[in-house]
Amino acid sequence: MNRDAISGRSGLAAAAALLLNPDNPLGVTEISRQANLNASSISRAMFALADAQLAERLSRGRYRPLVPELFWALAEVWPRDRTTTGLTAADLKGAQLGAGIETVSSLGWAMAAERGAVSWGAPLVLTGDYPTLLYVPDETAIRSALALHPENKSQRRPGIALAVDPTGLIVANRFRPPAVPLPLAHPLFCALDLTAASRDREALEQWTPPDGFSRVW
C-alpha cells in the first residue's frame, strides 16, 4: 500500500470525506468548502488516492472510496498527537473556551477516541477514570485551554486531552445522540482513533456503527 497516497491536511481531508458517506461521497468542491481548503489541493489529493487504487474516479470532481482499503491506509497516517489539560466536563461550558458544546449546528469541539466510540456502541469497557479526547479546531483552542486549565497531575481523574482536527471535518460534523453529555465526532473518526492499540482494534472488528452510518473498516 502506498503510504505517500495520503499526505498533508488535504490528503487526510480527502480520504476522510470519501469515507464519511461512501455510498454518496461528497465532491471536491463540497469537501474543500467544509475542510476550508483550496479545491485544487483536494483535487490533487483525490488523484493521488485514485492513482494508489484507494479510490475510483466516477466523474469530474467525484470519486468513490475503495473500502476497507482506504480506511486502513488513512489509519496508517492518522495523527496521534494529544495534549493533556486540566479541563473537566464542567469547564467546557465556559464561554472563554468557545467549545460549543450546547449545540452541534456550528463548529465546535467533538469527543472521539474510546469514549466517543463507546457512545456510538463500540464493545469496549472503560473505567470511570479513563481519559476523554476532544478534537478542537486549531492550536489556539489548545493554548487557551492550557492557559485557563493547565494539566494538574494531582487530579483524581485525568484531565481532558485535546487534539487539533487534522481534516477540518470533525469539528464541522458533530452529533448529539440522546443521553450523551458531549457532542460526538462522526463514528469514522472514533474508529480511526481505535486503530492505535491492539485492544481497541479487537473491539473495532466487532463494532458496527448505528443506522445511518457506514462501516468502512
N, C-alpha and C. Protein backbone atom coordinates (compact mmCIF):
# COMPACT_ATOMS: atom_id res chain seq x y z
N MET A 1 0.85 -1.19 0.00
CA MET A 1 0.00 0.00 0.00
C MET A 1 0.88 1.25 0.00
N ASN A 2 0.54 2.22 -0.80
CA ASN A 2 1.35 3.42 -0.96
C ASN A 2 1.06 4.41 0.16
N ARG A 3 2.01 4.53 1.10
CA ARG A 3 1.83 5.45 2.23
C ARG A 3 1.83 6.90 1.77
N ASP A 4 2.45 7.17 0.62
CA ASP A 4 2.52 8.54 0.13
C ASP A 4 1.21 8.99 -0.51
N ALA A 5 0.25 8.08 -0.63
CA ALA A 5 -1.01 8.43 -1.28
C ALA A 5 -1.82 9.42 -0.44
N ILE A 6 -1.60 9.43 0.86
CA ILE A 6 -2.32 10.34 1.76
C ILE A 6 -1.30 11.18 2.50
N SER A 7 -1.20 12.44 2.14
CA SER A 7 -0.21 13.30 2.79
C SER A 7 -0.78 14.70 2.97
N GLY A 8 -0.37 15.34 4.06
CA GLY A 8 -0.82 16.69 4.33
C GLY A 8 -2.28 16.75 4.72
N ARG A 9 -2.71 17.94 5.08
CA ARG A 9 -4.09 18.11 5.53
C ARG A 9 -5.08 17.83 4.40
N SER A 10 -4.73 18.19 3.18
CA SER A 10 -5.64 17.94 2.06
C SER A 10 -5.82 16.46 1.81
N GLY A 11 -4.74 15.68 1.96
CA GLY A 11 -4.85 14.24 1.79
C GLY A 11 -5.71 13.59 2.85
N LEU A 12 -5.50 14.01 4.10
CA LEU A 12 -6.32 13.49 5.20
C LEU A 12 -7.79 13.86 5.01
N ALA A 13 -8.04 15.10 4.62
CA ALA A 13 -9.42 15.56 4.44
C ALA A 13 -10.10 14.84 3.28
N ALA A 14 -9.39 14.66 2.18
CA ALA A 14 -9.97 13.99 1.02
C ALA A 14 -10.34 12.55 1.35
N ALA A 15 -9.42 11.83 1.98
CA ALA A 15 -9.68 10.44 2.33
C ALA A 15 -10.84 10.32 3.32
N ALA A 16 -10.81 11.14 4.36
CA ALA A 16 -11.87 11.08 5.37
C ALA A 16 -13.22 11.43 4.78
N ALA A 17 -13.25 12.44 3.93
CA ALA A 17 -14.52 12.88 3.36
C ALA A 17 -15.17 11.78 2.53
N LEU A 18 -14.37 11.03 1.78
CA LEU A 18 -14.93 9.92 1.00
C LEU A 18 -15.50 8.84 1.91
N LEU A 19 -14.85 8.60 3.04
CA LEU A 19 -15.28 7.54 3.94
C LEU A 19 -16.49 7.93 4.79
N LEU A 20 -16.76 9.21 4.94
CA LEU A 20 -17.89 9.65 5.75
C LEU A 20 -19.21 9.13 5.19
N ASN A 21 -19.31 9.11 3.88
CA ASN A 21 -20.54 8.63 3.23
C ASN A 21 -20.14 7.94 1.94
N PRO A 22 -19.66 6.70 2.04
CA PRO A 22 -19.08 6.03 0.86
C PRO A 22 -20.08 5.76 -0.26
N ASP A 23 -21.36 5.66 0.08
CA ASP A 23 -22.36 5.39 -0.96
C ASP A 23 -22.74 6.64 -1.74
N ASN A 24 -22.52 7.80 -1.14
CA ASN A 24 -22.83 9.07 -1.82
C ASN A 24 -21.80 10.11 -1.38
N PRO A 25 -20.54 9.90 -1.76
CA PRO A 25 -19.46 10.76 -1.26
C PRO A 25 -19.56 12.19 -1.78
N LEU A 26 -19.04 13.09 -0.97
CA LEU A 26 -19.01 14.50 -1.35
C LEU A 26 -18.08 14.70 -2.55
N GLY A 27 -18.37 15.72 -3.34
CA GLY A 27 -17.50 16.09 -4.43
C GLY A 27 -16.37 16.98 -3.95
N VAL A 28 -15.43 17.23 -4.83
CA VAL A 28 -14.25 18.03 -4.50
C VAL A 28 -14.62 19.41 -3.97
N THR A 29 -15.57 20.06 -4.62
CA THR A 29 -15.95 21.42 -4.23
C THR A 29 -16.52 21.45 -2.81
N GLU A 30 -17.41 20.52 -2.50
CA GLU A 30 -18.03 20.49 -1.17
C GLU A 30 -17.01 20.12 -0.10
N ILE A 31 -16.11 19.20 -0.41
CA ILE A 31 -15.08 18.83 0.55
C ILE A 31 -14.19 20.02 0.87
N SER A 32 -13.78 20.74 -0.16
CA SER A 32 -12.91 21.89 0.05
C SER A 32 -13.60 22.96 0.88
N ARG A 33 -14.91 23.12 0.69
CA ARG A 33 -15.67 24.11 1.46
C ARG A 33 -15.72 23.70 2.93
N GLN A 34 -16.08 22.44 3.20
CA GLN A 34 -16.20 22.00 4.59
C GLN A 34 -14.86 21.99 5.30
N ALA A 35 -13.81 21.59 4.59
CA ALA A 35 -12.48 21.49 5.21
C ALA A 35 -11.74 22.82 5.19
N ASN A 36 -12.33 23.82 4.54
CA ASN A 36 -11.71 25.14 4.42
C ASN A 36 -10.33 25.04 3.76
N LEU A 37 -10.30 24.31 2.64
CA LEU A 37 -9.08 24.12 1.87
C LEU A 37 -9.33 24.49 0.42
N ASN A 38 -8.27 24.73 -0.30
CA ASN A 38 -8.37 25.06 -1.71
C ASN A 38 -8.84 23.84 -2.50
N ALA A 39 -9.77 24.05 -3.42
CA ALA A 39 -10.31 22.94 -4.22
C ALA A 39 -9.23 22.24 -5.02
N SER A 40 -8.24 22.98 -5.48
CA SER A 40 -7.18 22.36 -6.28
C SER A 40 -6.36 21.38 -5.45
N SER A 41 -6.16 21.68 -4.16
CA SER A 41 -5.40 20.77 -3.30
C SER A 41 -6.19 19.50 -3.03
N ILE A 42 -7.51 19.62 -2.87
CA ILE A 42 -8.35 18.44 -2.69
C ILE A 42 -8.37 17.61 -3.97
N SER A 43 -8.43 18.28 -5.11
CA SER A 43 -8.43 17.57 -6.39
C SER A 43 -7.14 16.77 -6.57
N ARG A 44 -6.01 17.36 -6.22
CA ARG A 44 -4.74 16.64 -6.32
C ARG A 44 -4.70 15.45 -5.36
N ALA A 45 -5.27 15.64 -4.17
CA ALA A 45 -5.31 14.55 -3.19
C ALA A 45 -6.17 13.41 -3.71
N MET A 46 -7.28 13.73 -4.34
CA MET A 46 -8.15 12.69 -4.90
C MET A 46 -7.44 11.93 -6.02
N PHE A 47 -6.71 12.64 -6.84
CA PHE A 47 -5.96 11.99 -7.92
C PHE A 47 -4.95 11.01 -7.34
N ALA A 48 -4.29 11.41 -6.25
CA ALA A 48 -3.31 10.53 -5.61
C ALA A 48 -3.98 9.28 -5.06
N LEU A 49 -5.18 9.43 -4.49
CA LEU A 49 -5.91 8.28 -3.97
C LEU A 49 -6.29 7.33 -5.09
N ALA A 50 -6.75 7.89 -6.20
CA ALA A 50 -7.13 7.05 -7.35
C ALA A 50 -5.90 6.35 -7.93
N ASP A 51 -4.79 7.08 -8.00
CA ASP A 51 -3.56 6.51 -8.55
C ASP A 51 -3.05 5.35 -7.69
N ALA A 52 -3.31 5.42 -6.38
CA ALA A 52 -2.90 4.36 -5.45
C ALA A 52 -3.95 3.27 -5.33
N GLN A 53 -4.99 3.35 -6.13
CA GLN A 53 -6.08 2.37 -6.11
C GLN A 53 -6.77 2.31 -4.75
N LEU A 54 -6.94 3.48 -4.16
CA LEU A 54 -7.69 3.61 -2.91
C LEU A 54 -9.03 4.29 -3.13
N ALA A 55 -9.22 4.84 -4.32
CA ALA A 55 -10.48 5.48 -4.70
C ALA A 55 -10.66 5.32 -6.21
N GLU A 56 -11.91 5.43 -6.62
CA GLU A 56 -12.25 5.29 -8.04
C GLU A 56 -12.89 6.58 -8.53
N ARG A 57 -12.41 7.09 -9.64
CA ARG A 57 -12.97 8.31 -10.21
C ARG A 57 -14.29 7.99 -10.90
N LEU A 58 -15.35 8.70 -10.51
CA LEU A 58 -16.67 8.49 -11.08
C LEU A 58 -16.95 9.47 -12.21
N SER A 59 -16.60 10.71 -11.98
CA SER A 59 -16.81 11.77 -12.97
C SER A 59 -15.95 12.95 -12.55
N ARG A 60 -16.04 14.04 -13.25
CA ARG A 60 -15.23 15.21 -12.92
C ARG A 60 -15.52 15.69 -11.49
N GLY A 61 -14.51 15.65 -10.64
CA GLY A 61 -14.66 16.12 -9.27
C GLY A 61 -15.36 15.17 -8.33
N ARG A 62 -15.63 13.95 -8.78
CA ARG A 62 -16.34 13.00 -7.91
C ARG A 62 -15.60 11.66 -7.91
N TYR A 63 -15.42 11.12 -6.70
CA TYR A 63 -14.69 9.87 -6.52
C TYR A 63 -15.45 8.98 -5.54
N ARG A 64 -15.18 7.69 -5.63
CA ARG A 64 -15.78 6.72 -4.71
C ARG A 64 -14.65 6.01 -3.96
N PRO A 65 -14.77 5.86 -2.63
CA PRO A 65 -13.70 5.19 -1.88
C PRO A 65 -13.73 3.68 -2.08
N LEU A 66 -12.58 3.06 -2.05
CA LEU A 66 -12.49 1.61 -2.04
C LEU A 66 -12.29 1.20 -0.59
N VAL A 67 -13.25 0.48 -0.04
CA VAL A 67 -13.21 0.11 1.37
C VAL A 67 -13.08 -1.41 1.52
N PRO A 68 -12.38 -1.86 2.55
CA PRO A 68 -11.80 -1.07 3.66
C PRO A 68 -10.40 -0.53 3.38
N GLU A 69 -9.91 -0.70 2.15
CA GLU A 69 -8.52 -0.33 1.86
C GLU A 69 -8.22 1.13 2.21
N LEU A 70 -9.13 2.03 1.83
CA LEU A 70 -8.87 3.45 2.11
C LEU A 70 -8.86 3.73 3.60
N PHE A 71 -9.76 3.08 4.34
CA PHE A 71 -9.79 3.30 5.79
C PHE A 71 -8.45 2.93 6.42
N TRP A 72 -7.93 1.76 6.08
CA TRP A 72 -6.69 1.31 6.72
C TRP A 72 -5.48 2.10 6.25
N ALA A 73 -5.53 2.58 5.02
CA ALA A 73 -4.46 3.47 4.56
C ALA A 73 -4.48 4.78 5.34
N LEU A 74 -5.68 5.29 5.59
CA LEU A 74 -5.81 6.51 6.38
C LEU A 74 -5.38 6.28 7.82
N ALA A 75 -5.73 5.12 8.37
CA ALA A 75 -5.35 4.80 9.75
C ALA A 75 -3.83 4.80 9.93
N GLU A 76 -3.09 4.38 8.90
CA GLU A 76 -1.63 4.32 8.99
C GLU A 76 -1.00 5.70 9.18
N VAL A 77 -1.65 6.72 8.66
CA VAL A 77 -1.06 8.06 8.73
C VAL A 77 -1.88 9.01 9.62
N TRP A 78 -2.88 8.47 10.32
CA TRP A 78 -3.74 9.31 11.15
C TRP A 78 -2.94 9.91 12.31
N PRO A 79 -2.97 11.23 12.50
CA PRO A 79 -2.19 11.86 13.59
C PRO A 79 -2.64 11.38 14.97
N ARG A 80 -1.68 11.19 15.85
CA ARG A 80 -1.97 10.69 17.21
C ARG A 80 -1.59 11.69 18.29
N ASP A 81 -1.21 12.89 17.92
CA ASP A 81 -0.78 13.88 18.92
C ASP A 81 -1.95 14.31 19.81
N ARG A 82 -1.70 14.31 21.11
CA ARG A 82 -2.70 14.74 22.09
C ARG A 82 -2.04 15.63 23.13
N THR A 83 -2.80 16.56 23.64
CA THR A 83 -2.32 17.44 24.70
C THR A 83 -3.22 17.28 25.92
N THR A 84 -2.65 16.85 27.03
CA THR A 84 -3.44 16.67 28.25
C THR A 84 -3.60 18.02 28.95
N THR A 85 -4.81 18.30 29.38
CA THR A 85 -5.12 19.55 30.07
C THR A 85 -5.69 19.24 31.45
N GLY A 86 -6.00 20.29 32.18
CA GLY A 86 -6.68 20.13 33.46
C GLY A 86 -8.18 20.30 33.34
N LEU A 87 -8.69 20.33 32.12
CA LEU A 87 -10.12 20.52 31.89
C LEU A 87 -10.95 19.38 32.44
N THR A 88 -12.12 19.74 32.97
CA THR A 88 -13.14 18.76 33.32
C THR A 88 -14.36 19.04 32.44
N ALA A 89 -15.30 18.12 32.45
CA ALA A 89 -16.50 18.30 31.62
C ALA A 89 -17.24 19.59 31.98
N ALA A 90 -17.25 19.93 33.27
CA ALA A 90 -17.95 21.15 33.70
C ALA A 90 -17.29 22.40 33.13
N ASP A 91 -15.98 22.36 32.95
CA ASP A 91 -15.26 23.53 32.42
C ASP A 91 -15.64 23.84 30.98
N LEU A 92 -16.12 22.85 30.25
CA LEU A 92 -16.37 23.03 28.82
C LEU A 92 -17.51 24.00 28.54
N LYS A 93 -18.30 24.29 29.56
CA LYS A 93 -19.41 25.23 29.36
C LYS A 93 -18.96 26.68 29.43
N GLY A 94 -17.72 26.91 29.84
CA GLY A 94 -17.23 28.28 29.97
C GLY A 94 -17.15 28.99 28.63
N ALA A 95 -17.63 30.21 28.61
CA ALA A 95 -17.67 30.98 27.36
C ALA A 95 -16.28 31.28 26.83
N GLN A 96 -15.29 31.36 27.71
CA GLN A 96 -13.93 31.69 27.27
C GLN A 96 -13.34 30.62 26.36
N LEU A 97 -13.76 29.38 26.54
CA LEU A 97 -13.21 28.29 25.73
C LEU A 97 -13.82 28.26 24.33
N GLY A 98 -15.09 28.62 24.23
CA GLY A 98 -15.75 28.56 22.93
C GLY A 98 -15.86 27.14 22.40
N ALA A 99 -16.11 26.18 23.30
CA ALA A 99 -16.16 24.78 22.89
C ALA A 99 -17.41 24.43 22.10
N GLY A 100 -18.46 25.23 22.26
CA GLY A 100 -19.68 24.99 21.51
C GLY A 100 -20.38 23.69 21.84
N ILE A 101 -20.38 23.32 23.12
CA ILE A 101 -20.98 22.03 23.48
C ILE A 101 -22.49 22.08 23.62
N GLU A 102 -23.07 23.27 23.62
CA GLU A 102 -24.52 23.37 23.80
C GLU A 102 -25.28 23.05 22.52
N THR A 103 -24.64 23.19 21.38
CA THR A 103 -25.30 22.93 20.10
C THR A 103 -24.29 22.33 19.14
N VAL A 104 -24.79 21.53 18.19
CA VAL A 104 -23.90 20.93 17.19
C VAL A 104 -24.13 21.54 15.81
N SER A 105 -24.85 22.64 15.77
CA SER A 105 -25.19 23.26 14.48
C SER A 105 -24.08 24.16 13.95
N SER A 106 -23.02 24.34 14.72
CA SER A 106 -21.90 25.17 14.28
C SER A 106 -20.60 24.47 14.64
N LEU A 107 -19.47 25.06 14.25
CA LEU A 107 -18.17 24.48 14.57
C LEU A 107 -18.00 24.38 16.08
N GLY A 108 -17.37 23.31 16.53
CA GLY A 108 -17.13 23.16 17.95
C GLY A 108 -16.34 21.91 18.26
N TRP A 109 -16.07 21.69 19.52
CA TRP A 109 -15.28 20.57 19.98
C TRP A 109 -16.11 19.28 19.90
N ALA A 110 -15.40 18.16 19.67
CA ALA A 110 -16.11 16.89 19.49
C ALA A 110 -15.36 15.75 20.18
N MET A 111 -16.09 14.93 20.91
CA MET A 111 -15.49 13.79 21.61
C MET A 111 -15.29 12.62 20.65
N ALA A 112 -14.11 12.00 20.74
CA ALA A 112 -13.79 10.88 19.87
C ALA A 112 -13.05 9.81 20.67
N ALA A 113 -12.17 9.07 20.02
CA ALA A 113 -11.39 8.01 20.64
C ALA A 113 -12.30 6.99 21.35
N GLU A 114 -11.80 6.40 22.44
CA GLU A 114 -12.53 5.30 23.07
C GLU A 114 -13.88 5.73 23.62
N ARG A 115 -13.93 6.87 24.32
CA ARG A 115 -15.21 7.29 24.89
C ARG A 115 -16.21 7.65 23.80
N GLY A 116 -15.73 8.25 22.74
CA GLY A 116 -16.63 8.54 21.63
C GLY A 116 -17.15 7.27 21.00
N ALA A 117 -16.26 6.30 20.80
CA ALA A 117 -16.67 5.04 20.19
C ALA A 117 -17.69 4.30 21.05
N VAL A 118 -17.46 4.27 22.37
CA VAL A 118 -18.41 3.62 23.28
C VAL A 118 -19.78 4.30 23.19
N SER A 119 -19.79 5.61 23.08
CA SER A 119 -21.06 6.34 22.96
C SER A 119 -21.81 5.95 21.69
N TRP A 120 -21.07 5.52 20.67
CA TRP A 120 -21.68 5.04 19.42
C TRP A 120 -21.95 3.54 19.44
N GLY A 121 -21.65 2.87 20.56
CA GLY A 121 -21.97 1.46 20.67
C GLY A 121 -20.82 0.50 20.51
N ALA A 122 -19.58 0.98 20.48
CA ALA A 122 -18.44 0.08 20.36
C ALA A 122 -18.32 -0.79 21.61
N PRO A 123 -17.97 -2.08 21.46
CA PRO A 123 -17.92 -3.00 22.60
C PRO A 123 -16.64 -2.88 23.40
N LEU A 124 -16.47 -1.74 24.05
CA LEU A 124 -15.33 -1.50 24.92
C LEU A 124 -15.83 -1.27 26.34
N VAL A 125 -15.08 -1.73 27.32
CA VAL A 125 -15.41 -1.47 28.72
C VAL A 125 -14.39 -0.47 29.25
N LEU A 126 -14.86 0.70 29.67
CA LEU A 126 -13.98 1.76 30.15
C LEU A 126 -14.28 2.07 31.61
N THR A 127 -13.24 2.27 32.39
CA THR A 127 -13.42 2.66 33.79
C THR A 127 -13.71 4.16 33.85
N GLY A 128 -14.19 4.60 35.00
CA GLY A 128 -14.58 6.00 35.15
C GLY A 128 -13.43 6.97 35.00
N ASP A 129 -12.19 6.51 35.27
CA ASP A 129 -11.05 7.41 35.17
C ASP A 129 -10.36 7.33 33.81
N TYR A 130 -11.02 6.70 32.84
CA TYR A 130 -10.42 6.61 31.51
C TYR A 130 -10.44 7.99 30.86
N PRO A 131 -9.37 8.39 30.20
CA PRO A 131 -9.31 9.75 29.64
C PRO A 131 -10.30 10.00 28.52
N THR A 132 -10.65 11.26 28.35
CA THR A 132 -11.54 11.71 27.29
C THR A 132 -10.72 12.51 26.28
N LEU A 133 -10.96 12.27 24.99
CA LEU A 133 -10.29 13.03 23.94
C LEU A 133 -11.30 13.87 23.18
N LEU A 134 -11.00 15.14 23.04
CA LEU A 134 -11.83 16.04 22.24
C LEU A 134 -11.00 16.63 21.11
N TYR A 135 -11.58 16.63 19.92
CA TYR A 135 -10.95 17.33 18.79
C TYR A 135 -11.40 18.79 18.82
N VAL A 136 -10.45 19.67 18.55
CA VAL A 136 -10.72 21.12 18.55
C VAL A 136 -10.29 21.70 17.20
N PRO A 137 -10.77 22.90 16.86
CA PRO A 137 -10.50 23.44 15.53
C PRO A 137 -9.03 23.76 15.23
N ASP A 138 -8.28 24.22 16.25
CA ASP A 138 -6.92 24.68 15.96
C ASP A 138 -6.07 24.73 17.22
N GLU A 139 -4.80 25.07 17.03
CA GLU A 139 -3.86 25.14 18.16
C GLU A 139 -4.23 26.25 19.13
N THR A 140 -4.88 27.29 18.63
CA THR A 140 -5.30 28.39 19.51
C THR A 140 -6.22 27.89 20.61
N ALA A 141 -7.12 26.97 20.26
CA ALA A 141 -8.04 26.40 21.25
C ALA A 141 -7.28 25.65 22.33
N ILE A 142 -6.24 24.94 21.93
CA ILE A 142 -5.45 24.20 22.92
C ILE A 142 -4.68 25.15 23.83
N ARG A 143 -4.10 26.18 23.25
CA ARG A 143 -3.37 27.16 24.08
C ARG A 143 -4.29 27.84 25.07
N SER A 144 -5.49 28.17 24.63
CA SER A 144 -6.46 28.81 25.52
C SER A 144 -6.84 27.88 26.66
N ALA A 145 -7.07 26.61 26.33
CA ALA A 145 -7.44 25.63 27.35
C ALA A 145 -6.32 25.46 28.37
N LEU A 146 -5.08 25.40 27.91
CA LEU A 146 -3.95 25.24 28.83
C LEU A 146 -3.75 26.47 29.70
N ALA A 147 -4.01 27.64 29.13
CA ALA A 147 -3.87 28.87 29.91
C ALA A 147 -4.90 28.93 31.03
N LEU A 148 -6.10 28.46 30.74
CA LEU A 148 -7.18 28.50 31.73
C LEU A 148 -7.14 27.30 32.67
N HIS A 149 -6.77 26.14 32.13
CA HIS A 149 -6.81 24.90 32.90
C HIS A 149 -5.59 24.04 32.57
N PRO A 150 -4.42 24.39 33.08
CA PRO A 150 -3.22 23.59 32.81
C PRO A 150 -3.34 22.20 33.42
N GLU A 151 -2.55 21.28 32.89
CA GLU A 151 -2.59 19.91 33.40
C GLU A 151 -2.27 19.89 34.89
N ASN A 152 -3.07 19.13 35.63
CA ASN A 152 -2.89 19.00 37.07
C ASN A 152 -2.79 17.52 37.39
N LYS A 153 -1.58 17.04 37.59
CA LYS A 153 -1.37 15.60 37.79
C LYS A 153 -1.89 15.11 39.13
N SER A 154 -2.27 16.03 40.01
CA SER A 154 -2.80 15.62 41.31
C SER A 154 -4.31 15.39 41.25
N GLN A 155 -4.94 15.69 40.10
CA GLN A 155 -6.38 15.45 39.97
C GLN A 155 -6.68 13.97 40.13
N ARG A 156 -7.83 13.67 40.75
CA ARG A 156 -8.22 12.28 40.93
C ARG A 156 -8.50 11.62 39.58
N ARG A 157 -9.06 12.39 38.67
CA ARG A 157 -9.32 11.87 37.33
C ARG A 157 -8.45 12.63 36.34
N PRO A 158 -8.01 11.96 35.28
CA PRO A 158 -7.17 12.66 34.30
C PRO A 158 -7.95 13.76 33.61
N GLY A 159 -7.27 14.85 33.31
CA GLY A 159 -7.92 15.93 32.59
C GLY A 159 -8.24 15.52 31.16
N ILE A 160 -9.08 16.30 30.54
CA ILE A 160 -9.47 16.03 29.16
C ILE A 160 -8.28 16.30 28.24
N ALA A 161 -8.05 15.38 27.30
CA ALA A 161 -6.99 15.56 26.31
C ALA A 161 -7.58 16.21 25.06
N LEU A 162 -6.79 17.05 24.42
CA LEU A 162 -7.24 17.76 23.22
C LEU A 162 -6.33 17.43 22.04
N ALA A 163 -6.91 17.41 20.86
CA ALA A 163 -6.15 17.21 19.63
C ALA A 163 -6.73 18.11 18.56
N VAL A 164 -5.87 18.67 17.73
CA VAL A 164 -6.35 19.51 16.64
C VAL A 164 -6.96 18.63 15.55
N ASP A 165 -8.14 18.98 15.10
CA ASP A 165 -8.79 18.27 13.99
C ASP A 165 -7.87 18.35 12.77
N PRO A 166 -7.35 17.21 12.30
CA PRO A 166 -6.40 17.26 11.18
C PRO A 166 -7.05 17.41 9.81
N THR A 167 -8.38 17.40 9.77
CA THR A 167 -9.09 17.46 8.49
C THR A 167 -9.98 18.68 8.33
N GLY A 168 -10.40 19.28 9.44
CA GLY A 168 -11.41 20.33 9.39
C GLY A 168 -12.82 19.80 9.32
N LEU A 169 -12.97 18.49 9.18
CA LEU A 169 -14.29 17.87 9.03
C LEU A 169 -14.88 17.40 10.35
N ILE A 170 -14.03 17.12 11.33
CA ILE A 170 -14.53 16.59 12.60
C ILE A 170 -15.33 17.65 13.35
N VAL A 171 -14.76 18.83 13.45
CA VAL A 171 -15.42 19.89 14.22
C VAL A 171 -16.60 20.49 13.46
N ALA A 172 -16.70 20.19 12.17
CA ALA A 172 -17.81 20.71 11.36
C ALA A 172 -18.97 19.73 11.25
N ASN A 173 -18.74 18.48 11.64
CA ASN A 173 -19.78 17.44 11.54
C ASN A 173 -19.91 16.74 12.88
N ARG A 174 -20.64 17.37 13.80
CA ARG A 174 -20.78 16.82 15.15
C ARG A 174 -22.20 16.30 15.37
N PHE A 175 -22.33 15.42 16.36
CA PHE A 175 -23.61 14.77 16.62
C PHE A 175 -23.89 14.78 18.12
N ARG A 176 -25.17 14.70 18.47
CA ARG A 176 -25.56 14.71 19.88
C ARG A 176 -26.65 13.67 20.11
N PRO A 177 -26.29 12.38 20.18
CA PRO A 177 -27.29 11.35 20.47
C PRO A 177 -27.88 11.55 21.87
N PRO A 178 -29.06 11.01 22.12
CA PRO A 178 -29.67 11.13 23.44
C PRO A 178 -28.76 10.55 24.54
N ALA A 179 -28.76 11.20 25.67
CA ALA A 179 -28.05 10.75 26.87
C ALA A 179 -26.53 10.81 26.75
N VAL A 180 -26.01 11.43 25.71
CA VAL A 180 -24.56 11.61 25.59
C VAL A 180 -24.24 13.04 26.00
N PRO A 181 -23.37 13.24 27.00
CA PRO A 181 -23.17 14.57 27.58
C PRO A 181 -22.42 15.57 26.70
N LEU A 182 -21.64 15.07 25.75
CA LEU A 182 -20.83 15.95 24.92
C LEU A 182 -21.07 15.67 23.44
N PRO A 183 -20.91 16.67 22.58
CA PRO A 183 -21.02 16.42 21.14
C PRO A 183 -20.02 15.36 20.70
N LEU A 184 -20.45 14.51 19.79
CA LEU A 184 -19.61 13.41 19.33
C LEU A 184 -19.06 13.67 17.94
N ALA A 185 -17.86 13.15 17.71
CA ALA A 185 -17.32 13.10 16.36
C ALA A 185 -18.04 11.99 15.60
N HIS A 186 -18.02 12.07 14.29
CA HIS A 186 -18.57 11.01 13.44
C HIS A 186 -17.91 9.68 13.81
N PRO A 187 -18.66 8.56 13.77
CA PRO A 187 -18.07 7.26 14.11
C PRO A 187 -16.78 6.95 13.35
N LEU A 188 -16.65 7.44 12.12
CA LEU A 188 -15.42 7.21 11.36
C LEU A 188 -14.19 7.65 12.14
N PHE A 189 -14.25 8.84 12.72
CA PHE A 189 -13.08 9.40 13.41
C PHE A 189 -12.82 8.68 14.73
N CYS A 190 -13.89 8.24 15.39
CA CYS A 190 -13.71 7.42 16.59
C CYS A 190 -13.03 6.10 16.22
N ALA A 191 -13.44 5.53 15.09
CA ALA A 191 -12.85 4.27 14.63
C ALA A 191 -11.37 4.45 14.28
N LEU A 192 -11.03 5.54 13.63
CA LEU A 192 -9.62 5.79 13.31
C LEU A 192 -8.78 5.87 14.58
N ASP A 193 -9.32 6.49 15.62
CA ASP A 193 -8.59 6.57 16.89
C ASP A 193 -8.38 5.19 17.50
N LEU A 194 -9.32 4.28 17.28
CA LEU A 194 -9.22 2.95 17.87
C LEU A 194 -8.14 2.10 17.22
N THR A 195 -7.66 2.50 16.05
CA THR A 195 -6.66 1.68 15.36
C THR A 195 -5.27 1.78 15.99
N ALA A 196 -5.10 2.64 16.98
CA ALA A 196 -3.78 2.85 17.56
C ALA A 196 -3.34 1.72 18.48
N ALA A 197 -4.29 1.00 19.10
CA ALA A 197 -3.94 -0.03 20.08
C ALA A 197 -4.59 -1.35 19.71
N SER A 198 -3.88 -2.46 19.96
CA SER A 198 -4.38 -3.78 19.58
C SER A 198 -5.69 -4.12 20.29
N ARG A 199 -5.80 -3.73 21.57
CA ARG A 199 -7.04 -3.99 22.32
C ARG A 199 -8.22 -3.30 21.65
N ASP A 200 -8.00 -2.05 21.25
CA ASP A 200 -9.08 -1.30 20.63
C ASP A 200 -9.39 -1.82 19.23
N ARG A 201 -8.37 -2.33 18.54
CA ARG A 201 -8.62 -2.90 17.21
C ARG A 201 -9.52 -4.12 17.30
N GLU A 202 -9.37 -4.90 18.36
CA GLU A 202 -10.25 -6.06 18.55
C GLU A 202 -11.70 -5.60 18.69
N ALA A 203 -11.92 -4.54 19.44
CA ALA A 203 -13.27 -4.00 19.59
C ALA A 203 -13.77 -3.45 18.26
N LEU A 204 -12.87 -2.85 17.50
CA LEU A 204 -13.24 -2.29 16.20
C LEU A 204 -13.75 -3.37 15.26
N GLU A 205 -13.13 -4.54 15.31
CA GLU A 205 -13.55 -5.64 14.46
C GLU A 205 -14.98 -6.07 14.75
N GLN A 206 -15.42 -5.89 15.99
CA GLN A 206 -16.76 -6.33 16.40
C GLN A 206 -17.80 -5.21 16.35
N TRP A 207 -17.38 -4.02 15.98
CA TRP A 207 -18.26 -2.85 16.07
C TRP A 207 -18.84 -2.46 14.72
N THR A 208 -20.15 -2.36 14.70
CA THR A 208 -20.85 -1.80 13.55
C THR A 208 -21.57 -0.55 14.04
N PRO A 209 -21.34 0.60 13.43
CA PRO A 209 -21.96 1.84 13.92
C PRO A 209 -23.47 1.83 13.73
N PRO A 210 -24.18 2.75 14.36
CA PRO A 210 -25.65 2.78 14.28
C PRO A 210 -26.15 3.01 12.85
N ASP A 211 -27.45 2.76 12.67
CA ASP A 211 -28.09 3.02 11.38
C ASP A 211 -27.84 4.46 10.96
N GLY A 212 -27.61 4.63 9.68
CA GLY A 212 -27.32 5.96 9.16
C GLY A 212 -25.84 6.22 8.96
N PHE A 213 -25.00 5.31 9.47
CA PHE A 213 -23.55 5.42 9.31
C PHE A 213 -23.03 4.13 8.67
N SER A 214 -21.99 4.26 7.89
CA SER A 214 -21.43 3.11 7.17
C SER A 214 -20.22 2.54 7.90
N ARG A 215 -20.13 1.22 7.89
CA ARG A 215 -18.95 0.54 8.44
C ARG A 215 -17.93 0.44 7.31
N VAL A 216 -16.84 1.14 7.42
CA VAL A 216 -15.86 1.20 6.33
C VAL A 216 -14.54 0.54 6.71
N TRP A 217 -14.52 -0.19 7.84
CA TRP A 217 -13.28 -0.84 8.27
C TRP A 217 -13.43 -2.36 8.23
